[in-house]
Amino acid sequence: LGHAFAQRRLADAERCLRRRLAAGAGHALRLKAAVMTEQDIRLRRLTGQYLSAPAPAHTVARALCGFQAQYPQNALHALSLRTDGEGPAQARLVKNWTLRGTIHLFSEEDLPVYLGLTAGDRFRCNEWSAPSFWNQRPGWALTPARQAYFTDVIVEALSRGPLTRDTLREHCRARGMTEDEAASMFDSWGGGLRELCERGFVCYPAGPEKALRLCPPLEPLSAHAAQLTLARRYFTHYAPATIHDAMYFFHASAKAVRGWLAELPVHSAHCSGREYFWLDGEDAAPASPPECRFLAGFDPLMLGYEKKESLFLPPERMRSVFSLAGQVAPVLLLHGRVCGIWRRKGASIHLTLWEALSPQDADLVYAAAQAAFPGCTLRETPEL
């Protein structure tokens, strides 16, 4: 019966492939396997995300499309779990607004990619009369002329080296910026500074301090080339993934994702009624998942897939990780599945487990905590 079922799935997949080719879908979707198990998918994802075998920070940051970094320590922890010793300084990392309208930590080499998404024909354009999210908000105090003037002031100040937001604010005040204008330019949610970042004038260094620097000379990719570059990385390192997964990760439409797939030499397979796509990576999936990892808040393993269809997280625990306020908790990954959440408080790691651990697994968790946070005290907490 199992063989007959597999043969039927293979025939269904081949018919689907023929329909796509007949429709002129661009690159052929090359069929590699008609059926894949959930464990196969988990193992491939863990490998693609460098949780089974580390790599240099530069390689990891580019492959995973950066790390969400509104909390810098989360991004740095997520990166360090996956790297082999090369740190952010050696990897030449920066921060800027990129995917999902959030700030990310990524390789400086990828600025042309992300500015291809955010800048478009406004790249380094110092003209602000067109309506935008920011200048249409109540209380926005910068006229187009004043915003252009202070853009020049900020760029000139940063030409001598990186400066903190507070230093830039004082510099602008000295050049005539009012308190209301400062509230608009230095809004805690982005404001005028975010617009300067998205247009390619400035970016943030990788460190935790709130400093800014000028972007290096560059030419951004076209929006389409940037999208396809990131889709290629996603379907190599986050995959196998569904169209819903990619829609969730990129905040893109199903039509956009299908368009990318049509241009990429992806394989497809079915599992539990869903179709998964992937591109060949450099390494084969391992025979077993990593034993234990203390994943960061907003970790790519959580953000990379439609949360309601996660293969790592028990459905009944989704709200323990993804809060209604938009937070994504740090999780404990044990044998390839999430079994709890944690937080760091001083030298202590407070851990909430959703299941009892065997003595062997308890030893693995303790060893992983010491590897990630040397000298820490591990405390079990009923609810964080």
Protein backbone atom coordinates (compact mmCIF):
# COMPACT_ATOMS: atom_id res chain seq x y z
CA LEU A 1 0.00 0.00 0.00
CA GLY A 2 2.82 2.39 0.88
CA HIS A 3 4.48 1.77 -2.49
CA ALA A 4 1.20 2.30 -4.35
CA PHE A 5 0.59 5.54 -2.45
CA ALA A 6 4.08 6.80 -3.29
CA GLN A 7 3.54 5.95 -6.94
CA ARG A 8 0.26 7.88 -7.00
CA ARG A 9 1.95 10.91 -5.43
CA LEU A 10 4.74 10.68 -7.98
CA ALA A 11 2.21 10.58 -10.82
CA ASP A 12 0.34 13.57 -9.35
CA ALA A 13 3.56 15.54 -9.07
CA GLU A 14 4.59 14.69 -12.62
CA ARG A 15 1.19 15.82 -13.93
CA CYS A 16 1.60 19.08 -12.01
CA LEU A 17 5.05 19.54 -13.54
CA ARG A 18 3.72 18.95 -17.06
CA ARG A 19 0.97 21.53 -16.51
CA ARG A 20 3.56 24.10 -15.42
CA LEU A 21 5.76 23.43 -18.39
CA ALA A 22 2.77 23.64 -20.72
CA ALA A 23 1.91 27.01 -19.17
CA GLY A 24 5.40 28.30 -19.95
CA ALA A 25 6.42 28.80 -16.34
CA GLY A 26 10.04 29.72 -17.14
CA HIS A 27 12.61 27.49 -15.46
CA ALA A 28 11.41 23.92 -15.21
CA LEU A 29 10.64 22.79 -11.68
CA ARG A 30 12.96 19.82 -11.58
CA LEU A 31 11.37 16.94 -9.68
CA LYS A 32 13.84 15.37 -7.27
CA ALA A 33 11.53 13.53 -4.89
CA ALA A 34 7.76 13.19 -4.97
CA VAL A 35 7.35 12.61 -1.24
CA MET A 36 9.36 13.96 1.70
CA THR A 37 8.90 13.38 5.43
CA GLU A 38 8.66 16.11 8.04
CA GLN A 39 11.91 14.85 9.56
CA ASP A 40 13.62 15.18 6.15
CA ILE A 41 12.44 18.78 5.97
CA ARG A 42 13.57 19.61 9.51
CA LEU A 43 17.03 18.16 8.92
CA ARG A 44 17.49 20.06 5.67
CA ARG A 45 16.39 23.31 7.28
CA LEU A 46 18.69 22.88 10.28
CA THR A 47 21.59 22.24 7.93
CA GLY A 48 20.74 25.15 5.65
CA GLN A 49 20.55 27.48 8.65
CA TYR A 50 24.01 26.40 9.89
CA LEU A 51 22.68 24.95 13.16
CA SER A 52 24.20 21.56 12.37
CA ALA A 53 27.58 22.83 11.12
CA PRO A 54 28.86 26.41 11.63
CA ALA A 55 30.41 28.66 8.98
CA PRO A 56 32.11 32.11 8.86
CA ALA A 57 29.89 34.99 10.00
CA HIS A 58 30.05 36.66 6.60
CA THR A 59 28.78 33.49 4.90
CA VAL A 60 25.99 32.95 7.42
CA ALA A 61 24.76 36.54 7.38
CA ARG A 62 24.50 36.58 3.60
CA ALA A 63 22.94 33.12 3.29
CA LEU A 64 20.21 33.77 5.88
CA CYS A 65 19.27 37.23 4.51
CA GLY A 66 20.50 38.89 7.69
CA PHE A 67 19.15 38.74 11.24
CA GLN A 68 16.26 40.79 12.60
CA ALA A 69 17.96 43.26 14.94
CA GLN A 70 15.63 45.64 16.73
CA TYR A 71 17.24 44.02 19.79
CA PRO A 72 20.93 43.90 18.74
CA GLN A 73 21.92 41.20 21.25
CA ASN A 74 19.34 38.81 19.77
CA ALA A 75 20.85 39.20 16.31
CA LEU A 76 24.41 38.79 17.59
CA HIS A 77 23.44 35.67 19.57
CA ALA A 78 21.63 34.13 16.57
CA LEU A 79 24.73 34.78 14.48
CA SER A 80 27.19 33.42 17.05
CA LEU A 81 25.27 30.11 17.31
CA ARG A 82 25.94 29.51 13.64
CA THR A 83 29.52 30.74 13.24
CA ASP A 84 32.95 29.22 13.61
CA GLY A 85 34.71 32.07 15.41
CA GLU A 86 34.63 34.95 12.92
CA GLY A 87 32.83 37.83 14.62
CA PRO A 88 30.85 40.83 13.32
CA ALA A 89 33.94 43.06 13.13
CA GLN A 90 35.79 40.65 10.85
CA ALA A 91 32.65 40.02 8.81
CA ARG A 92 32.01 43.75 8.13
CA LEU A 93 28.39 43.72 9.20
CA VAL A 94 25.99 46.67 9.26
CA LYS A 95 22.38 47.31 10.29
CA ASN A 96 19.60 48.82 8.23
CA TRP A 97 15.88 48.49 7.48
CA THR A 98 15.41 45.61 5.05
CA LEU A 99 12.86 42.77 5.12
CA ARG A 100 9.39 43.05 6.65
CA GLY A 101 9.98 46.74 7.40
CA THR A 102 12.34 45.83 10.27
CA ILE A 103 15.97 46.58 11.00
CA HIS A 104 18.37 43.73 10.24
CA LEU A 105 22.03 42.89 10.81
CA PHE A 106 23.67 41.85 7.53
CA SER A 107 26.85 41.95 5.46
CA GLU A 108 27.92 45.36 4.22
CA GLU A 109 28.53 43.64 0.90
CA ASP A 110 24.76 43.19 0.61
CA LEU A 111 23.85 46.88 0.86
CA PRO A 112 23.22 46.99 -2.93
CA VAL A 113 20.75 44.10 -2.52
CA TYR A 114 18.69 45.60 0.30
CA LEU A 115 18.79 49.13 -1.06
CA GLY A 116 17.41 47.65 -4.27
CA LEU A 117 14.33 46.80 -2.18
CA THR A 118 13.98 50.02 -0.19
CA ALA A 119 15.37 52.82 -2.38
CA GLY A 120 14.28 52.16 -5.95
CA ASP A 121 14.49 55.35 -8.00
CA ARG A 122 14.86 57.36 -4.76
CA PHE A 123 18.41 56.15 -4.16
CA ARG A 124 20.28 59.06 -2.53
CA CYS A 125 17.57 61.42 -3.69
CA ASN A 126 17.41 64.47 -1.40
CA GLU A 127 13.94 65.59 -2.42
CA TRP A 128 11.07 64.96 0.00
CA SER A 129 7.91 66.52 -1.41
CA ALA A 130 6.22 63.25 -2.38
CA PRO A 131 3.79 61.83 0.24
CA SER A 132 5.33 59.15 2.45
CA PHE A 133 4.37 57.13 5.50
CA TRP A 134 6.30 59.56 7.67
CA ASN A 135 5.40 62.98 6.30
CA GLN A 136 1.69 62.08 6.33
CA ARG A 137 1.69 61.33 10.04
CA PRO A 138 0.15 63.83 12.47
CA GLY A 139 2.81 66.00 14.07
CA TRP A 140 5.39 65.63 11.28
CA ALA A 141 7.31 68.91 11.52
CA LEU A 142 9.85 68.76 8.69
CA THR A 143 8.92 70.57 5.48
CA PRO A 144 10.49 69.11 2.31
CA ALA A 145 13.00 71.97 2.22
CA ARG A 146 13.96 71.58 5.88
CA GLN A 147 14.29 67.80 5.51
CA ALA A 148 16.61 68.30 2.53
CA TYR A 149 18.64 70.85 4.48
CA PHE A 150 19.13 68.58 7.50
CA THR A 151 19.91 65.64 5.24
CA ASP A 152 22.88 67.66 3.99
CA VAL A 153 23.79 68.60 7.57
CA ILE A 154 23.78 64.93 8.68
CA VAL A 155 25.70 63.67 5.65
CA GLU A 156 28.32 66.37 6.11
CA ALA A 157 28.71 65.54 9.83
CA LEU A 158 29.07 61.80 9.13
CA SER A 159 31.65 62.42 6.42
CA ARG A 160 34.17 62.74 9.27
CA GLY A 161 33.21 59.37 10.79
CA PRO A 162 30.40 57.57 12.64
CA LEU A 163 28.39 59.51 15.23
CA THR A 164 25.72 58.51 17.74
CA ARG A 165 22.13 59.60 17.31
CA ASP A 166 22.44 61.90 20.31
CA THR A 167 25.53 63.59 18.87
CA LEU A 168 23.81 64.03 15.52
CA ARG A 169 20.75 65.47 17.23
CA GLU A 170 22.89 68.06 19.03
CA HIS A 171 24.71 68.86 15.80
CA CYS A 172 21.38 69.47 14.04
CA ARG A 173 20.13 71.63 16.90
CA ALA A 174 23.24 73.74 16.58
CA ARG A 175 22.32 74.23 12.92
CA GLY A 176 18.81 75.46 13.75
CA MET A 177 16.68 72.31 14.16
CA THR A 178 13.65 72.87 16.38
CA GLU A 179 12.44 70.41 19.03
CA ASP A 180 9.48 69.41 16.85
CA GLU A 181 11.75 68.87 13.85
CA ALA A 182 14.10 66.79 16.00
CA ALA A 183 11.17 64.63 17.13
CA SER A 184 10.39 63.92 13.45
CA MET A 185 13.95 63.33 12.26
CA PHE A 186 14.96 61.25 15.31
CA ASP A 187 11.66 59.46 15.92
CA SER A 188 12.22 56.34 18.03
CA TRP A 189 10.45 54.22 15.36
CA GLY A 190 12.66 55.52 12.56
CA GLY A 191 11.42 58.88 11.28
CA GLY A 192 13.66 60.91 9.01
CA LEU A 193 16.73 58.85 9.91
CA ARG A 194 14.99 55.71 8.70
CA GLU A 195 14.24 57.43 5.40
CA LEU A 196 17.92 58.32 5.05
CA CYS A 197 18.78 54.66 5.69
CA GLU A 198 16.25 53.39 3.18
CA ARG A 199 17.50 55.79 0.49
CA GLY A 200 21.12 54.72 0.92
CA PHE A 201 22.60 57.79 2.59
CA VAL A 202 23.45 56.17 5.94
CA CYS A 203 23.42 52.87 7.84
CA TYR A 204 24.19 51.64 11.34
CA PRO A 205 27.42 49.88 12.39
CA ALA A 206 26.99 46.37 13.78
CA GLY A 207 27.61 47.19 17.43
CA PRO A 208 24.96 47.75 20.12
CA GLU A 209 25.56 51.51 20.28
CA LYS A 210 23.08 53.70 18.39
CA ALA A 211 25.59 55.19 15.97
CA LEU A 212 25.29 55.97 12.28
CA ARG A 213 27.79 56.07 9.42
CA LEU A 214 27.72 56.88 5.75
CA CYS A 215 27.01 54.09 3.31
CA PRO A 216 29.98 53.31 1.04
CA PRO A 217 29.87 54.13 -2.68
CA LEU A 218 27.58 51.59 -4.35
CA GLU A 219 25.01 51.01 -7.05
CA PRO A 220 21.82 49.25 -5.86
CA LEU A 221 20.37 46.29 -7.72
CA SER A 222 17.05 46.64 -9.46
CA ALA A 223 14.10 45.68 -7.27
CA HIS A 224 13.53 42.51 -9.28
CA ALA A 225 17.18 41.45 -9.15
CA ALA A 226 17.25 42.08 -5.39
CA GLN A 227 14.08 40.05 -4.82
CA LEU A 228 15.37 37.16 -6.89
CA THR A 229 18.75 37.22 -5.11
CA LEU A 230 17.06 36.93 -1.72
CA ALA A 231 14.56 34.33 -2.95
CA ARG A 232 17.47 32.22 -4.21
CA ARG A 233 19.10 32.38 -0.77
CA TYR A 234 15.83 31.63 0.98
CA PHE A 235 15.05 28.54 -1.10
CA THR A 236 18.62 27.33 -0.55
CA HIS A 237 19.08 27.92 3.18
CA TYR A 238 15.58 28.07 4.67
CA ALA A 239 14.19 25.36 2.45
CA PRO A 240 12.41 23.10 1.88
CA ALA A 241 9.70 25.74 2.23
CA THR A 242 6.16 26.29 1.03
CA ILE A 243 4.79 29.28 -0.82
CA HIS A 244 3.07 30.29 2.44
CA ASP A 245 6.41 30.15 4.26
CA ALA A 246 8.05 32.48 1.75
CA MET A 247 5.05 34.83 1.83
CA TYR A 248 5.41 35.02 5.62
CA PHE A 249 9.18 35.58 5.55
CA PHE A 250 9.21 38.23 2.82
CA HIS A 251 5.75 39.74 3.49
CA ALA A 252 5.14 39.05 -0.20
CA SER A 253 2.11 37.99 -2.18
CA ALA A 254 1.58 34.45 -3.45
CA LYS A 255 1.84 35.83 -6.99
CA ALA A 256 5.29 37.30 -6.26
CA VAL A 257 6.59 34.06 -4.72
CA ARG A 258 5.29 31.97 -7.62
CA GLY A 259 7.04 34.37 -9.99
CA TRP A 260 10.37 33.85 -8.21
CA LEU A 261 9.91 30.08 -8.26
CA ALA A 262 9.28 30.19 -12.00
CA GLU A 263 12.71 31.81 -12.48
CA LEU A 264 14.65 29.50 -10.16
CA PRO A 265 15.70 25.86 -10.80
CA VAL A 266 13.84 24.57 -7.75
CA HIS A 267 12.96 21.01 -6.83
CA SER A 268 9.57 20.23 -5.33
CA ALA A 269 8.18 17.54 -3.07
CA HIS A 270 5.04 16.88 -1.07
CA CYS A 271 4.57 16.31 2.64
CA SER A 272 1.34 16.21 4.66
CA GLY A 273 -0.64 17.74 1.83
CA ARG A 274 1.71 20.66 1.25
CA GLU A 275 4.16 21.30 -1.59
CA TYR A 276 7.71 22.22 -0.60
CA PHE A 277 10.38 23.80 -2.80
CA TRP A 278 14.14 24.00 -2.50
CA LEU A 279 17.35 24.69 -4.37
CA ASP A 280 20.39 22.47 -4.05
CA GLY A 281 22.83 23.57 -1.34
CA GLU A 282 26.46 22.68 -0.84
CA ASP A 283 25.94 20.08 1.88
CA ALA A 284 23.68 17.09 2.30
CA ALA A 285 21.37 16.95 5.30
CA PRO A 286 22.85 15.15 8.34
CA ALA A 287 21.50 11.91 9.70
CA SER A 288 20.43 13.59 12.97
CA PRO A 289 19.66 17.13 14.20
CA PRO A 290 21.91 19.16 16.52
CA GLU A 291 21.47 17.94 20.07
CA CYS A 292 20.64 21.21 21.83
CA ARG A 293 20.70 24.95 21.01
CA PHE A 294 19.57 28.01 22.95
CA LEU A 295 18.09 29.93 20.01
CA ALA A 296 17.83 33.71 20.10
CA GLY A 297 14.71 35.83 20.28
CA PHE A 298 13.52 36.50 16.72
CA ASP A 299 15.65 33.59 15.55
CA PRO A 300 15.55 32.76 11.81
CA LEU A 301 14.33 29.25 12.61
CA MET A 302 11.17 30.82 14.02
CA LEU A 303 10.83 33.76 11.61
CA GLY A 304 11.59 31.78 8.46
CA TYR A 305 8.25 29.98 8.16
CA GLU A 306 4.53 30.50 8.53
CA LYS A 307 4.22 30.20 12.31
CA LYS A 308 0.90 28.35 12.20
CA GLU A 309 2.52 25.64 10.07
CA SER A 310 5.82 25.36 11.97
CA LEU A 311 7.49 21.94 11.91
CA PHE A 312 9.60 22.82 14.97
CA LEU A 313 7.03 24.34 17.32
CA PRO A 314 4.03 22.52 18.88
CA PRO A 315 0.88 24.33 17.65
CA GLU A 316 -0.50 24.68 21.17
CA ARG A 317 2.68 26.57 22.18
CA MET A 318 2.64 29.10 19.35
CA ARG A 319 1.53 32.00 21.58
CA SER A 320 4.22 31.13 24.12
CA VAL A 321 6.75 32.08 21.44
CA PHE A 322 4.90 34.55 19.19
CA SER A 323 3.20 37.09 21.44
CA LEU A 324 0.28 39.25 20.37
CA ALA A 325 2.55 42.26 20.96
CA GLY A 326 4.85 41.13 18.15
CA GLN A 327 7.64 39.69 20.28
CA VAL A 328 9.30 36.38 19.39
CA ALA A 329 10.74 34.63 22.45
CA PRO A 330 14.09 32.84 22.67
CA VAL A 331 13.47 29.09 22.46
CA LEU A 332 15.21 25.88 23.48
CA LEU A 333 15.79 23.53 20.55
CA LEU A 334 16.32 19.93 21.64
CA HIS A 335 16.83 17.15 19.08
CA GLY A 336 15.42 19.38 16.37
CA ARG A 337 12.22 20.45 18.15
CA VAL A 338 11.34 23.41 20.36
CA CYS A 339 10.61 22.20 23.89
CA GLY A 340 10.64 25.44 25.90
CA ILE A 341 11.48 29.13 26.12
CA TRP A 342 14.19 30.96 28.04
CA ARG A 343 15.46 34.37 29.02
CA ARG A 344 18.71 35.69 30.43
CA LYS A 345 18.72 37.70 33.63
CA GLY A 346 22.20 38.68 34.76
CA ALA A 347 24.26 35.53 35.12
CA SER A 348 21.17 33.30 35.21
CA ILE A 349 19.29 31.57 32.43
CA HIS A 350 15.61 31.14 33.32
CA LEU A 351 14.15 28.22 31.42
CA THR A 352 10.51 27.18 31.05
CA LEU A 353 10.20 23.61 29.80
CA TRP A 354 7.05 22.21 28.23
CA GLU A 355 7.95 18.59 28.91
CA ALA A 356 9.95 16.56 31.40
CA LEU A 357 13.54 15.83 30.39
CA SER A 358 15.39 12.56 30.72
CA PRO A 359 18.64 12.73 32.74
CA GLN A 360 20.58 12.52 29.47
CA ASP A 361 18.65 15.40 27.92
CA ALA A 362 19.02 17.46 31.10
CA ASP A 363 22.79 17.04 30.77
CA LEU A 364 22.62 18.16 27.12
CA VAL A 365 20.66 21.28 28.07
CA TYR A 366 23.13 22.16 30.83
CA ALA A 367 26.10 21.67 28.50
CA ALA A 368 24.48 23.81 25.80
CA ALA A 369 23.79 26.59 28.33
CA GLN A 370 27.42 26.59 29.46
CA ALA A 371 28.65 26.63 25.86
CA ALA A 372 26.45 29.61 25.00
CA PHE A 373 26.76 31.45 28.33
CA PRO A 374 29.92 30.30 30.17
CA GLY A 375 29.54 30.29 33.94
CA CYS A 376 25.78 30.86 33.89
CA THR A 377 23.33 29.45 36.41
CA LEU A 378 20.47 27.51 34.86
CA ARG A 379 17.13 27.94 36.63
CA GLU A 380 13.87 26.23 35.71
CA THR A 381 10.87 28.57 35.88
CA PRO A 382 7.24 27.45 35.60
CA GLU A 383 6.22 30.40 33.38
CA LEU A 384 8.35 33.24 32.08
